[in-house]
Amino acid sequence: MGSIQKPKVLLIGSITHAKAEWDALKDVADPIIVKSTNRSDFLAEAKSGTFDGVVAAFRSFTSMSITGQFDTEILSSIPTLKFLCQNGAGYDPINISDCTSAGVQVCNVPIIADDATSDTAIFLMLGALRMFNPCMATLRTGEFKGPAFKLGHDPRRKVLGILGMGGIGREVARKAGAFGMKVQYYNRKELSEEMAGGAKYVGFDELLGTSDILSLNLPLNANTRHIVSTAEFAKMKQDVVVVNTARGPVMDEAALVEALDSGKVRSAGLDVYEEEPKIHPGLIKNPNVILLPHVGTLTYETQKAMEVFTIENVRRAVEEGRLKGLVPEQAHMTKA
C-alpha cells in the first residue's frame, strides 16, 4: 500500500528567523521553496508542474521581486492554491479582489507589527519636531552644531493628528500621550471611546487644518493612494510636521517636496516612499527630512514573531482548512 501524499506548501521568498518552524511543517505537508528570482521564471517554474498540488503559500516581505503583483496570472499558475499567508501587516502587493474571485483566502500579520512600527513613527516624529536631522548631519562634517542648527519644538501640548486609527495608529496615539500630546484622529469609522483611548475623532479637513503633526498610519488601496496631495497640504497649518510609516503612495511625494520647499511643511520623518527603493531627490537634499529605508518592523523580535505567526497560519490552512486574521476585504469568506 502506497503512502498518503501530503499537501504541498510553498515558500515564496525566504525565512530568516523561524527556519525550524518551517521545517517542522514536514509533519503535515510537503514544503517547497521557490527557486525563481523573477516573475517570468516563476510562471515557467509553475508551468513545469513544480507547484502542482500546492494548497497554501507563505509570501515573504521580499517576494515582490519574485512574483510582482500577486494577481490573476499568478493565481492561475497555481490552480490548487487556496490559502495565501502574507508575512507582513501591509498586503498591497496582493490583488485581494483577484484572490477572492479565485477562492483564495488571504491573511496578513495583524497586531504583531504594531509596536515596532509605532516606535518608528514616534522616533521620526520627535526627530522631525526637534529638528535633529540638520545638526546630526553637520556633526559628522566636523562642526558641533553648525550654521544649519535650528531650534525645534517640544511635543508637549502639540496636536498630533493620526490618519488611520488601526492597530498601529492606536499605538502611536498611546505612546504620544506619554509626551503630553493632544491626539485627534480621522478614520473610516469613529472608534468606541475605549478603542480611541481618549483620542478625539474629527473630520478629515479638520484633522488637516488643526494638527501640528500629521502621522499617516493607514493601509494603501485604491481609496487611499495620494490621500495627501497638493490640495491637502494647502489645508494644513503653517510649519506642520509630517510623518509617514504606512506606505509611500498614500502621500504624493512630489507634493510633499513642494510643501517642504515652500516652508508649509517645516519638517518630515519618512520610513516609506512612493517608488521604493527610489527616493525623490528633493527629499534627499532637504536637511529637514529624516529618512529611514523602510525599517519600521525590522527588529529581531518582531521579525521572528511575524514569521512564526505566518508559518502557524500555513499549518492551520493544511490541518484545519482555515486562516487566522483574514484581511478585512474577505471577512465574508467562510471556512474552506
C-alpha atoms as a PDB file:
ATOM      1  CA  MET A   1       0.000   0.000   0.000  1.00  0.00           C
ATOM      2  CA  GLY A   2       1.435   3.394  -1.009  1.00  0.00           C
ATOM      3  CA  SER A   3       1.906   6.217   1.450  1.00  0.00           C
ATOM      4  CA  ILE A   4      -0.634   9.046   1.607  1.00  0.00           C
ATOM      5  CA  GLN A   5       0.628  12.058  -0.324  1.00  0.00           C
ATOM      6  CA  LYS A   6       0.885  15.188   1.795  1.00  0.00           C
ATOM      7  CA  PRO A   7      -0.400  18.527   0.512  1.00  0.00           C
ATOM      8  CA  LYS A   8       2.262  20.894  -0.743  1.00  0.00           C
ATOM      9  CA  VAL A   9       3.008  24.281   0.825  1.00  0.00           C
ATOM     10  CA  LEU A  10       5.041  26.907  -0.959  1.00  0.00           C
ATOM     11  CA  LEU A  11       7.642  29.362   0.337  1.00  0.00           C
ATOM     12  CA  ILE A  12       7.880  32.440  -1.875  1.00  0.00           C
ATOM     13  CA  GLY A  13      10.917  34.384  -0.724  1.00  0.00           C
ATOM     14  CA  SER A  14      12.887  33.473   2.357  1.00  0.00           C
ATOM     15  CA  ILE A  15      12.589  32.749   6.066  1.00  0.00           C
ATOM     16  CA  THR A  16      15.344  34.070   8.311  1.00  0.00           C
ATOM     17  CA  HIS A  17      14.362  33.595  11.948  1.00  0.00           C
ATOM     18  CA  ALA A  18      11.869  30.713  12.005  1.00  0.00           C
ATOM     19  CA  LYS A  19      13.551  28.069   9.860  1.00  0.00           C
ATOM     20  CA  ALA A  20      12.915  25.354  12.447  1.00  0.00           C
ATOM     21  CA  GLU A  21       9.195  26.141  12.431  1.00  0.00           C
ATOM     22  CA  TRP A  22       9.123  25.965   8.634  1.00  0.00           C
ATOM     23  CA  ASP A  23      10.984  22.655   8.608  1.00  0.00           C
ATOM     24  CA  ALA A  24       8.509  21.318  11.181  1.00  0.00           C
ATOM     25  CA  LEU A  25       5.753  21.656   8.575  1.00  0.00           C
ATOM     26  CA  LYS A  26       7.094  18.405   7.111  1.00  0.00           C
ATOM     27  CA  ASP A  27       4.957  16.664   9.739  1.00  0.00           C
ATOM     28  CA  VAL A  28       1.797  17.665   7.887  1.00  0.00           C
ATOM     29  CA  ALA A  29       2.877  18.900   4.451  1.00  0.00           C
ATOM     30  CA  ASP A  30       5.468  18.789   1.706  1.00  0.00           C
ATOM     31  CA  PRO A  31       7.283  22.176   1.858  1.00  0.00           C
ATOM     32  CA  ILE A  32       8.573  23.564  -1.442  1.00  0.00           C
ATOM     33  CA  ILE A  33      10.841  26.576  -1.839  1.00  0.00           C
ATOM     34  CA  VAL A  34      10.514  28.697  -4.964  1.00  0.00           C
ATOM     35  CA  LYS A  35      13.761  28.753  -6.942  1.00  0.00           C
ATOM     36  CA  SER A  36      12.791  31.571  -9.315  1.00  0.00           C
ATOM     37  CA  THR A  37      14.064  35.106  -8.851  1.00  0.00           C
ATOM     38  CA  ASN A  38      11.658  36.965 -11.165  1.00  0.00           C
ATOM     39  CA  ARG A  39       8.069  36.797 -12.414  1.00  0.00           C
ATOM     40  CA  SER A  40       8.708  35.173 -15.788  1.00  0.00           C
ATOM     41  CA  ASP A  41      10.820  32.439 -14.203  1.00  0.00           C
ATOM     42  CA  PHE A  42       8.184  31.929 -11.517  1.00  0.00           C
ATOM     43  CA  LEU A  43       5.498  31.387 -14.154  1.00  0.00           C
ATOM     44  CA  ALA A  44       7.790  28.973 -16.006  1.00  0.00           C
ATOM     45  CA  GLU A  45       8.518  27.081 -12.788  1.00  0.00           C
ATOM     46  CA  ALA A  46       4.795  26.797 -12.164  1.00  0.00           C
ATOM     47  CA  LYS A  47       4.185  25.606 -15.728  1.00  0.00           C
ATOM     48  CA  SER A  48       6.761  22.855 -15.229  1.00  0.00           C
ATOM     49  CA  GLY A  49       4.470  21.276 -12.625  1.00  0.00           C
ATOM     50  CA  THR A  50       6.652  22.018  -9.604  1.00  0.00           C
ATOM     51  CA  PHE A  51       3.788  23.769  -7.819  1.00  0.00           C
ATOM     52  CA  ASP A  52       1.109  21.198  -8.670  1.00  0.00           C
ATOM     53  CA  GLY A  53      -0.841  20.327  -5.536  1.00  0.00           C
ATOM     54  CA  VAL A  54       0.180  23.433  -3.579  1.00  0.00           C
ATOM     55  CA  VAL A  55      -2.679  24.412  -1.257  1.00  0.00           C
ATOM     56  CA  ALA A  56      -1.036  27.126   0.857  1.00  0.00           C
ATOM     57  CA  ALA A  57       1.757  29.623   0.326  1.00  0.00           C
ATOM     58  CA  PHE A  58       3.953  31.723   2.601  1.00  0.00           C
ATOM     59  CA  ARG A  59       4.693  35.063   0.956  1.00  0.00           C
ATOM     60  CA  SER A  60       7.718  36.859   2.404  1.00  0.00           C
ATOM     61  CA  PHE A  61       8.420  40.585   2.659  1.00  0.00           C
ATOM     62  CA  THR A  62      10.851  40.395  -0.274  1.00  0.00           C
ATOM     63  CA  SER A  63       8.793  38.255  -2.638  1.00  0.00           C
ATOM     64  CA  MET A  64       7.526  41.199  -4.710  1.00  0.00           C
ATOM     65  CA  SER A  65      10.748  40.904  -6.730  1.00  0.00           C
ATOM     66  CA  ILE A  66       9.877  37.267  -7.477  1.00  0.00           C
ATOM     67  CA  THR A  67       6.203  37.367  -8.414  1.00  0.00           C
ATOM     68  CA  GLY A  68       5.411  41.031  -8.867  1.00  0.00           C
ATOM     69  CA  GLN A  69       1.771  41.796  -8.085  1.00  0.00           C
ATOM     70  CA  PHE A  70       0.036  38.647  -6.856  1.00  0.00           C
ATOM     71  CA  ASP A  71      -2.800  38.735  -9.370  1.00  0.00           C
ATOM     72  CA  THR A  72      -4.932  36.542 -11.623  1.00  0.00           C
ATOM     73  CA  GLU A  73      -1.973  35.493 -13.782  1.00  0.00           C
ATOM     74  CA  ILE A  74      -0.018  34.271 -10.757  1.00  0.00           C
ATOM     75  CA  LEU A  75      -3.089  32.661  -9.201  1.00  0.00           C
ATOM     76  CA  SER A  76      -3.883  30.840 -12.447  1.00  0.00           C
ATOM     77  CA  SER A  77      -0.394  29.339 -12.425  1.00  0.00           C
ATOM     78  CA  ILE A  78      -1.151  27.647  -9.078  1.00  0.00           C
ATOM     79  CA  PRO A  79      -4.768  26.496  -9.557  1.00  0.00           C
ATOM     80  CA  THR A  80      -4.772  24.348  -6.412  1.00  0.00           C
ATOM     81  CA  LEU A  81      -3.832  27.266  -4.138  1.00  0.00           C
ATOM     82  CA  LYS A  82      -6.482  28.005  -1.510  1.00  0.00           C
ATOM     83  CA  PHE A  83      -4.591  29.954   1.165  1.00  0.00           C
ATOM     84  CA  LEU A  84      -2.095  32.804   0.850  1.00  0.00           C
ATOM     85  CA  CYS A  85      -0.254  33.839   4.013  1.00  0.00           C
ATOM     86  CA  GLN A  86       1.378  37.266   3.830  1.00  0.00           C
ATOM     87  CA  ASN A  87       4.286  37.816   6.210  1.00  0.00           C
ATOM     88  CA  GLY A  88       3.577  41.476   6.907  1.00  0.00           C
ATOM     89  CA  ALA A  89       0.935  43.896   8.066  1.00  0.00           C
ATOM     90  CA  GLY A  90       0.656  45.538   4.642  1.00  0.00           C
ATOM     91  CA  TYR A  91      -0.666  43.473   1.754  1.00  0.00           C
ATOM     92  CA  ASP A  92      -0.938  45.944  -1.126  1.00  0.00           C
ATOM     93  CA  PRO A  93       1.242  43.709  -3.405  1.00  0.00           C
ATOM     94  CA  ILE A  94      -1.656  41.219  -3.378  1.00  0.00           C
ATOM     95  CA  ASN A  95      -4.739  41.782  -5.519  1.00  0.00           C
ATOM     96  CA  ILE A  96      -7.370  40.814  -2.970  1.00  0.00           C
ATOM     97  CA  SER A  97     -10.204  41.031  -5.495  1.00  0.00           C
ATOM     98  CA  ASP A  98      -8.452  38.529  -7.774  1.00  0.00           C
ATOM     99  CA  CYS A  99      -7.782  36.229  -4.815  1.00  0.00           C
ATOM    100  CA  THR A 100     -11.400  36.391  -3.682  1.00  0.00           C
ATOM    101  CA  SER A 101     -12.641  35.607  -7.207  1.00  0.00           C
ATOM    102  CA  ALA A 102     -10.293  32.600  -7.292  1.00  0.00           C
ATOM    103  CA  GLY A 103     -11.488  31.400  -3.891  1.00  0.00           C
ATOM    104  CA  VAL A 104      -8.096  32.029  -2.283  1.00  0.00           C
ATOM    105  CA  GLN A 105      -8.192  33.216   1.316  1.00  0.00           C
ATOM    106  CA  VAL A 106      -5.562  35.791   2.304  1.00  0.00           C
ATOM    107  CA  CYS A 107      -4.210  36.605   5.752  1.00  0.00           C
ATOM    108  CA  ASN A 108      -1.695  39.172   6.880  1.00  0.00           C
ATOM    109  CA  VAL A 109       0.038  39.670  10.242  1.00  0.00           C
ATOM    110  CA  PRO A 110      -2.077  41.983  12.384  1.00  0.00           C
ATOM    111  CA  ILE A 111      -1.053  43.359  15.781  1.00  0.00           C
ATOM    112  CA  ILE A 112       2.466  41.890  15.902  1.00  0.00           C
ATOM    113  CA  ALA A 113       3.960  44.732  13.852  1.00  0.00           C
ATOM    114  CA  ASP A 114       2.145  47.459  15.796  1.00  0.00           C
ATOM    115  CA  ASP A 115       4.814  48.049  18.429  1.00  0.00           C
ATOM    116  CA  ALA A 116       7.855  48.242  16.178  1.00  0.00           C
ATOM    117  CA  THR A 117       6.109  50.404  13.582  1.00  0.00           C
ATOM    118  CA  SER A 118       4.655  52.792  16.143  1.00  0.00           C
ATOM    119  CA  ASP A 119       8.068  53.070  17.829  1.00  0.00           C
ATOM    120  CA  THR A 120       9.482  54.103  14.454  1.00  0.00           C
ATOM    121  CA  ALA A 121       6.725  56.687  13.999  1.00  0.00           C
ATOM    122  CA  ILE A 122       7.458  58.192  17.416  1.00  0.00           C
ATOM    123  CA  PHE A 123      11.204  58.304  16.653  1.00  0.00           C
ATOM    124  CA  LEU A 124      10.570  60.099  13.354  1.00  0.00           C
ATOM    125  CA  MET A 125       8.019  62.425  14.931  1.00  0.00           C
ATOM    126  CA  LEU A 126      10.323  63.528  17.741  1.00  0.00           C
ATOM    127  CA  GLY A 127      13.323  63.833  15.437  1.00  0.00           C
ATOM    128  CA  ALA A 128      11.412  65.951  12.922  1.00  0.00           C
ATOM    129  CA  LEU A 129       9.723  68.051  15.596  1.00  0.00           C
ATOM    130  CA  ARG A 130      13.042  68.771  17.343  1.00  0.00           C
ATOM    131  CA  MET A 131      14.852  69.340  14.019  1.00  0.00           C
ATOM    132  CA  PHE A 132      17.535  66.819  14.933  1.00  0.00           C
ATOM    133  CA  ASN A 133      18.478  65.837  11.394  1.00  0.00           C
ATOM    134  CA  PRO A 134      20.331  69.025  10.340  1.00  0.00           C
ATOM    135  CA  CYS A 135      22.596  69.047  13.391  1.00  0.00           C
ATOM    136  CA  MET A 136      23.237  65.288  13.178  1.00  0.00           C
ATOM    137  CA  ALA A 137      24.398  65.802   9.597  1.00  0.00           C
ATOM    138  CA  THR A 138      26.687  68.748  10.395  1.00  0.00           C
ATOM    139  CA  LEU A 139      28.163  66.933  13.395  1.00  0.00           C
ATOM    140  CA  ARG A 140      29.563  64.294  11.018  1.00  0.00           C
ATOM    141  CA  THR A 141      31.255  67.020   8.966  1.00  0.00           C
ATOM    142  CA  GLY A 142      33.255  68.160  11.985  1.00  0.00           C
ATOM    143  CA  GLU A 143      31.042  71.038  13.079  1.00  0.00           C
ATOM    144  CA  PHE A 144      29.488  70.754  16.523  1.00  0.00           C
ATOM    145  CA  LYS A 145      26.202  72.482  15.744  1.00  0.00           C
ATOM    146  CA  GLY A 146      26.987  74.392  12.590  1.00  0.00           C
ATOM    147  CA  PRO A 147      25.046  77.097  10.766  1.00  0.00           C
ATOM    148  CA  ALA A 148      22.256  74.665   9.886  1.00  0.00           C
ATOM    149  CA  PHE A 149      21.213  74.293  13.533  1.00  0.00           C
ATOM    150  CA  LYS A 150      17.620  75.315  14.189  1.00  0.00           C
ATOM    151  CA  LEU A 151      15.577  75.313  17.351  1.00  0.00           C
ATOM    152  CA  GLY A 152      12.938  72.616  17.401  1.00  0.00           C
ATOM    153  CA  HIS A 153       9.687  72.324  19.336  1.00  0.00           C
ATOM    154  CA  ASP A 154       8.609  70.412  22.424  1.00  0.00           C
ATOM    155  CA  PRO A 155       5.977  67.717  21.850  1.00  0.00           C
ATOM    156  CA  ARG A 156       4.041  68.675  24.975  1.00  0.00           C
ATOM    157  CA  ARG A 157       0.649  70.246  24.203  1.00  0.00           C
ATOM    158  CA  LYS A 158       1.153  69.846  20.462  1.00  0.00           C
ATOM    159  CA  VAL A 159      -1.790  68.418  18.498  1.00  0.00           C
ATOM    160  CA  LEU A 160      -1.000  65.086  16.869  1.00  0.00           C
ATOM    161  CA  GLY A 161      -3.335  64.155  14.036  1.00  0.00           C
ATOM    162  CA  ILE A 162      -3.451  60.464  13.185  1.00  0.00           C
ATOM    163  CA  LEU A 163      -4.740  59.485   9.763  1.00  0.00           C
ATOM    164  CA  GLY A 164      -5.776  55.847  10.108  1.00  0.00           C
ATOM    165  CA  MET A 165      -6.601  54.603  13.597  1.00  0.00           C
ATOM    166  CA  GLY A 166      -5.948  50.904  13.201  1.00  0.00           C
ATOM    167  CA  GLY A 167      -3.662  48.955  15.487  1.00  0.00           C
ATOM    168  CA  ILE A 168      -0.549  50.957  14.595  1.00  0.00           C
ATOM    169  CA  GLY A 169      -2.369  54.286  14.770  1.00  0.00           C
ATOM    170  CA  ARG A 170      -3.729  53.447  18.212  1.00  0.00           C
ATOM    171  CA  GLU A 171      -0.255  52.528  19.453  1.00  0.00           C
ATOM    172  CA  VAL A 172       1.121  55.816  18.112  1.00  0.00           C
ATOM    173  CA  ALA A 173      -1.676  57.629  19.968  1.00  0.00           C
ATOM    174  CA  ARG A 174      -0.994  55.768  23.213  1.00  0.00           C
ATOM    175  CA  LYS A 175       2.743  56.433  23.110  1.00  0.00           C
ATOM    176  CA  ALA A 176       2.286  60.074  22.101  1.00  0.00           C
ATOM    177  CA  GLY A 177       0.203  60.550  25.243  1.00  0.00           C
ATOM    178  CA  ALA A 178       3.312  59.927  27.316  1.00  0.00           C
ATOM    179  CA  PHE A 179       4.801  63.100  25.800  1.00  0.00           C
ATOM    180  CA  GLY A 180       1.795  65.205  26.767  1.00  0.00           C
ATOM    181  CA  MET A 181       0.434  65.488  23.247  1.00  0.00           C
ATOM    182  CA  LYS A 182      -3.199  66.102  22.386  1.00  0.00           C
ATOM    183  CA  VAL A 183      -4.277  63.367  19.992  1.00  0.00           C
ATOM    184  CA  GLN A 184      -7.006  63.528  17.378  1.00  0.00           C
ATOM    185  CA  TYR A 185      -7.729  61.155  14.521  1.00  0.00           C
ATOM    186  CA  TYR A 186      -9.632  60.533  11.342  1.00  0.00           C
ATOM    187  CA  ASN A 187     -10.662  57.021  10.403  1.00  0.00           C
ATOM    188  CA  ARG A 188     -13.178  55.329   8.124  1.00  0.00           C
ATOM    189  CA  LYS A 189     -15.299  54.794  11.217  1.00  0.00           C
ATOM    190  CA  GLU A 190     -15.314  56.513  14.581  1.00  0.00           C
ATOM    191  CA  LEU A 191     -13.970  54.176  17.247  1.00  0.00           C
ATOM    192  CA  SER A 192     -15.564  53.405  20.573  1.00  0.00           C
ATOM    193  CA  GLU A 193     -14.310  55.517  23.470  1.00  0.00           C
ATOM    194  CA  GLU A 194     -12.415  52.517  24.806  1.00  0.00           C
ATOM    195  CA  MET A 195     -10.705  51.836  21.454  1.00  0.00           C
ATOM    196  CA  ALA A 196      -9.913  55.513  20.895  1.00  0.00           C
ATOM    197  CA  GLY A 197      -8.159  55.740  24.255  1.00  0.00           C
ATOM    198  CA  GLY A 198      -9.012  59.392  24.743  1.00  0.00           C
ATOM    199  CA  ALA A 199      -8.178  60.497  21.200  1.00  0.00           C
ATOM    200  CA  LYS A 200     -10.708  62.865  19.640  1.00  0.00           C
ATOM    201  CA  TYR A 201     -12.482  61.909  16.402  1.00  0.00           C
ATOM    202  CA  VAL A 202     -12.549  64.718  13.805  1.00  0.00           C
ATOM    203  CA  GLY A 203     -13.350  65.077  10.126  1.00  0.00           C
ATOM    204  CA  PHE A 204     -10.612  64.779   7.519  1.00  0.00           C
ATOM    205  CA  ASP A 205     -10.415  68.502   6.763  1.00  0.00           C
ATOM    206  CA  GLU A 206     -10.392  69.375  10.454  1.00  0.00           C
ATOM    207  CA  LEU A 207      -7.571  66.903  11.013  1.00  0.00           C
ATOM    208  CA  LEU A 208      -5.548  68.563   8.273  1.00  0.00           C
ATOM    209  CA  GLY A 209      -6.279  72.102   9.413  1.00  0.00           C
ATOM    210  CA  THR A 210      -5.701  71.755  13.153  1.00  0.00           C
ATOM    211  CA  SER A 211      -2.855  69.247  13.595  1.00  0.00           C
ATOM    212  CA  ASP A 212       0.678  70.353  14.448  1.00  0.00           C
ATOM    213  CA  ILE A 213       1.952  66.904  13.440  1.00  0.00           C
ATOM    214  CA  LEU A 214       0.273  64.575  10.951  1.00  0.00           C
ATOM    215  CA  SER A 215       1.042  60.864  11.214  1.00  0.00           C
ATOM    216  CA  LEU A 216      -0.020  58.614   8.342  1.00  0.00           C
ATOM    217  CA  ASN A 217      -0.975  55.147   9.578  1.00  0.00           C
ATOM    218  CA  LEU A 218      -3.437  53.839   7.005  1.00  0.00           C
ATOM    219  CA  PRO A 219      -3.259  50.959   4.510  1.00  0.00           C
ATOM    220  CA  LEU A 220      -2.608  51.520   0.826  1.00  0.00           C
ATOM    221  CA  ASN A 221      -5.506  50.807  -1.510  1.00  0.00           C
ATOM    222  CA  ALA A 222      -7.325  52.482  -4.391  1.00  0.00           C
ATOM    223  CA  ASN A 223      -9.100  54.846  -1.983  1.00  0.00           C
ATOM    224  CA  THR A 224      -6.018  55.921  -0.029  1.00  0.00           C
ATOM    225  CA  ARG A 225      -3.482  56.380  -2.835  1.00  0.00           C
ATOM    226  CA  HIS A 226      -2.393  60.059  -2.723  1.00  0.00           C
ATOM    227  CA  ILE A 227      -4.924  60.770   0.009  1.00  0.00           C
ATOM    228  CA  VAL A 228      -2.495  63.541   0.944  1.00  0.00           C
ATOM    229  CA  SER A 229      -1.511  65.682  -2.033  1.00  0.00           C
ATOM    230  CA  THR A 230      -1.285  69.345  -3.030  1.00  0.00           C
ATOM    231  CA  ALA A 231      -4.841  70.260  -2.011  1.00  0.00           C
ATOM    232  CA  GLU A 232      -4.436  68.586   1.368  1.00  0.00           C
ATOM    233  CA  PHE A 233      -1.117  70.305   2.106  1.00  0.00           C
ATOM    234  CA  ALA A 234      -2.789  73.638   1.363  1.00  0.00           C
ATOM    235  CA  LYS A 235      -5.286  72.952   4.173  1.00  0.00           C
ATOM    236  CA  MET A 236      -2.616  72.205   6.769  1.00  0.00           C
ATOM    237  CA  LYS A 237      -1.208  74.566   9.381  1.00  0.00           C
ATOM    238  CA  GLN A 238       1.921  76.528   8.575  1.00  0.00           C
ATOM    239  CA  ASP A 239       5.066  74.686   9.797  1.00  0.00           C
ATOM    240  CA  VAL A 240       3.265  71.347  10.116  1.00  0.00           C
ATOM    241  CA  VAL A 241       5.370  68.212  10.676  1.00  0.00           C
ATOM    242  CA  VAL A 242       4.510  65.148   8.562  1.00  0.00           C
ATOM    243  CA  VAL A 243       5.367  61.533   9.421  1.00  0.00           C
ATOM    244  CA  ASN A 244       4.746  58.509   7.192  1.00  0.00           C
ATOM    245  CA  THR A 245       5.340  54.928   8.321  1.00  0.00           C
ATOM    246  CA  ALA A 246       2.425  53.470   6.341  1.00  0.00           C
ATOM    247  CA  ARG A 247       3.023  53.096   2.600  1.00  0.00           C
ATOM    248  CA  GLY A 248       4.769  55.608   0.358  1.00  0.00           C
ATOM    249  CA  PRO A 249       1.979  56.085  -2.209  1.00  0.00           C
ATOM    250  CA  VAL A 250      -0.601  57.215   0.362  1.00  0.00           C
ATOM    251  CA  MET A 251       1.156  60.574   0.053  1.00  0.00           C
ATOM    252  CA  ASP A 252       2.045  62.421  -3.134  1.00  0.00           C
ATOM    253  CA  GLU A 253       5.823  62.637  -2.750  1.00  0.00           C
ATOM    254  CA  ALA A 254       6.258  65.437  -5.278  1.00  0.00           C
ATOM    255  CA  ALA A 255       3.597  67.466  -3.473  1.00  0.00           C
ATOM    256  CA  LEU A 256       5.413  66.882  -0.179  1.00  0.00           C
ATOM    257  CA  VAL A 257       8.651  68.174  -1.687  1.00  0.00           C
ATOM    258  CA  GLU A 258       6.851  71.301  -2.890  1.00  0.00           C
ATOM    259  CA  ALA A 259       5.323  71.820   0.554  1.00  0.00           C
ATOM    260  CA  LEU A 260       8.741  71.424   2.195  1.00  0.00           C
ATOM    261  CA  ASP A 261      10.427  73.789  -0.246  1.00  0.00           C
ATOM    262  CA  SER A 262       7.732  76.429   0.279  1.00  0.00           C
ATOM    263  CA  GLY A 263       8.026  76.155   4.057  1.00  0.00           C
ATOM    264  CA  LYS A 264       4.440  74.989   4.506  1.00  0.00           C
ATOM    265  CA  VAL A 265       5.783  71.724   5.919  1.00  0.00           C
ATOM    266  CA  ARG A 266       8.572  72.506   8.370  1.00  0.00           C
ATOM    267  CA  SER A 267       9.995  69.012   8.584  1.00  0.00           C
ATOM    268  CA  ALA A 268       9.147  65.403   7.860  1.00  0.00           C
ATOM    269  CA  GLY A 269      10.028  61.892   9.003  1.00  0.00           C
ATOM    270  CA  LEU A 270       9.697  59.112   6.444  1.00  0.00           C
ATOM    271  CA  ASP A 271      10.206  55.352   6.516  1.00  0.00           C
ATOM    272  CA  VAL A 272       8.367  54.619   3.255  1.00  0.00           C
ATOM    273  CA  TYR A 273       8.496  56.029  -0.262  1.00  0.00           C
ATOM    274  CA  GLU A 274       6.327  56.218  -3.319  1.00  0.00           C
ATOM    275  CA  GLU A 275       8.709  54.344  -5.628  1.00  0.00           C
ATOM    276  CA  GLU A 276      10.868  52.299  -3.249  1.00  0.00           C
ATOM    277  CA  PRO A 277      13.806  51.917  -3.282  1.00  0.00           C
ATOM    278  CA  LYS A 278      13.939  55.139  -5.313  1.00  0.00           C
ATOM    279  CA  ILE A 279      13.616  58.280  -3.200  1.00  0.00           C
ATOM    280  CA  HIS A 280      12.629  61.672  -4.566  1.00  0.00           C
ATOM    281  CA  PRO A 281      15.841  63.760  -4.861  1.00  0.00           C
ATOM    282  CA  GLY A 282      14.010  66.689  -3.271  1.00  0.00           C
ATOM    283  CA  LEU A 283      13.694  64.655  -0.071  1.00  0.00           C
ATOM    284  CA  ILE A 284      17.305  63.544  -0.070  1.00  0.00           C
ATOM    285  CA  LYS A 285      18.687  67.073  -0.428  1.00  0.00           C
ATOM    286  CA  ASN A 286      16.406  68.597   2.216  1.00  0.00           C
ATOM    287  CA  PRO A 287      18.153  68.527   5.620  1.00  0.00           C
ATOM    288  CA  ASN A 288      14.822  68.927   7.431  1.00  0.00           C
ATOM    289  CA  VAL A 289      13.704  65.452   6.377  1.00  0.00           C
ATOM    290  CA  ILE A 290      14.626  62.375   8.401  1.00  0.00           C
ATOM    291  CA  LEU A 291      14.844  59.353   6.105  1.00  0.00           C
ATOM    292  CA  LEU A 292      14.796  55.672   7.026  1.00  0.00           C
ATOM    293  CA  PRO A 293      14.955  52.796   4.478  1.00  0.00           C
ATOM    294  CA  HIS A 294      11.620  51.101   5.350  1.00  0.00           C
ATOM    295  CA  VAL A 295      12.827  49.517   8.580  1.00  0.00           C
ATOM    296  CA  GLY A 296       9.705  50.062  10.682  1.00  0.00           C
ATOM    297  CA  THR A 297       9.194  46.382  11.529  1.00  0.00           C
ATOM    298  CA  LEU A 298      12.830  45.315  11.265  1.00  0.00           C
ATOM    299  CA  THR A 299      13.653  44.215  14.785  1.00  0.00           C
ATOM    300  CA  TYR A 300      14.674  40.675  15.629  1.00  0.00           C
ATOM    301  CA  GLU A 301      11.744  40.143  17.982  1.00  0.00           C
ATOM    302  CA  THR A 302       9.130  41.432  15.554  1.00  0.00           C
ATOM    303  CA  GLN A 303      10.522  39.623  12.522  1.00  0.00           C
ATOM    304  CA  LYS A 304      10.713  36.311  14.393  1.00  0.00           C
ATOM    305  CA  ALA A 305       7.170  36.666  15.741  1.00  0.00           C
ATOM    306  CA  MET A 306       5.818  37.580  12.287  1.00  0.00           C
ATOM    307  CA  GLU A 307       7.455  34.589  10.624  1.00  0.00           C
ATOM    308  CA  VAL A 308       6.194  32.221  13.316  1.00  0.00           C
ATOM    309  CA  PHE A 309       2.645  33.606  13.060  1.00  0.00           C
ATOM    310  CA  THR A 310       2.645  33.216   9.273  1.00  0.00           C
ATOM    311  CA  ILE A 311       4.017  29.673   9.412  1.00  0.00           C
ATOM    312  CA  GLU A 312       1.389  28.764  12.008  1.00  0.00           C
ATOM    313  CA  ASN A 313      -1.226  30.011   9.568  1.00  0.00           C
ATOM    314  CA  VAL A 314       0.213  27.782   6.831  1.00  0.00           C
ATOM    315  CA  ARG A 315      -0.072  24.851   9.232  1.00  0.00           C
ATOM    316  CA  ARG A 316      -3.617  25.911  10.175  1.00  0.00           C
ATOM    317  CA  ALA A 317      -4.559  26.002   6.499  1.00  0.00           C
ATOM    318  CA  VAL A 318      -3.358  22.426   5.991  1.00  0.00           C
ATOM    319  CA  GLU A 319      -4.733  20.946   9.214  1.00  0.00           C
ATOM    320  CA  GLU A 320      -7.961  22.936   9.663  1.00  0.00           C
ATOM    321  CA  GLY A 321      -8.724  24.439   6.270  1.00  0.00           C
ATOM    322  CA  ARG A 322      -8.865  27.965   7.657  1.00  0.00           C
ATOM    323  CA  LEU A 323      -6.734  31.000   8.413  1.00  0.00           C
ATOM    324  CA  LYS A 324      -6.412  33.304  11.385  1.00  0.00           C
ATOM    325  CA  GLY A 325      -6.525  37.003  10.565  1.00  0.00           C
ATOM    326  CA  LEU A 326      -8.248  37.111   7.182  1.00  0.00           C
ATOM    327  CA  VAL A 327      -7.809  40.513   5.552  1.00  0.00           C
ATOM    328  CA  PRO A 328     -10.886  42.755   6.120  1.00  0.00           C
ATOM    329  CA  GLU A 329     -11.949  42.594   2.468  1.00  0.00           C
ATOM    330  CA  GLN A 330     -12.510  38.853   2.907  1.00  0.00           C
ATOM    331  CA  ALA A 331     -14.380  38.938   6.209  1.00  0.00           C
ATOM    332  CA  HIS A 332     -17.354  37.382   4.450  1.00  0.00           C
ATOM    333  CA  MET A 333     -15.424  34.266   3.402  1.00  0.00           C
ATOM    334  CA  THR A 334     -16.217  31.211   5.452  1.00  0.00           C
ATOM    335  CA  LYS A 335     -14.179  28.174   6.319  1.00  0.00           C
ATOM    336  CA  ALA A 336     -12.976  26.401   3.209  1.00  0.00           C
END
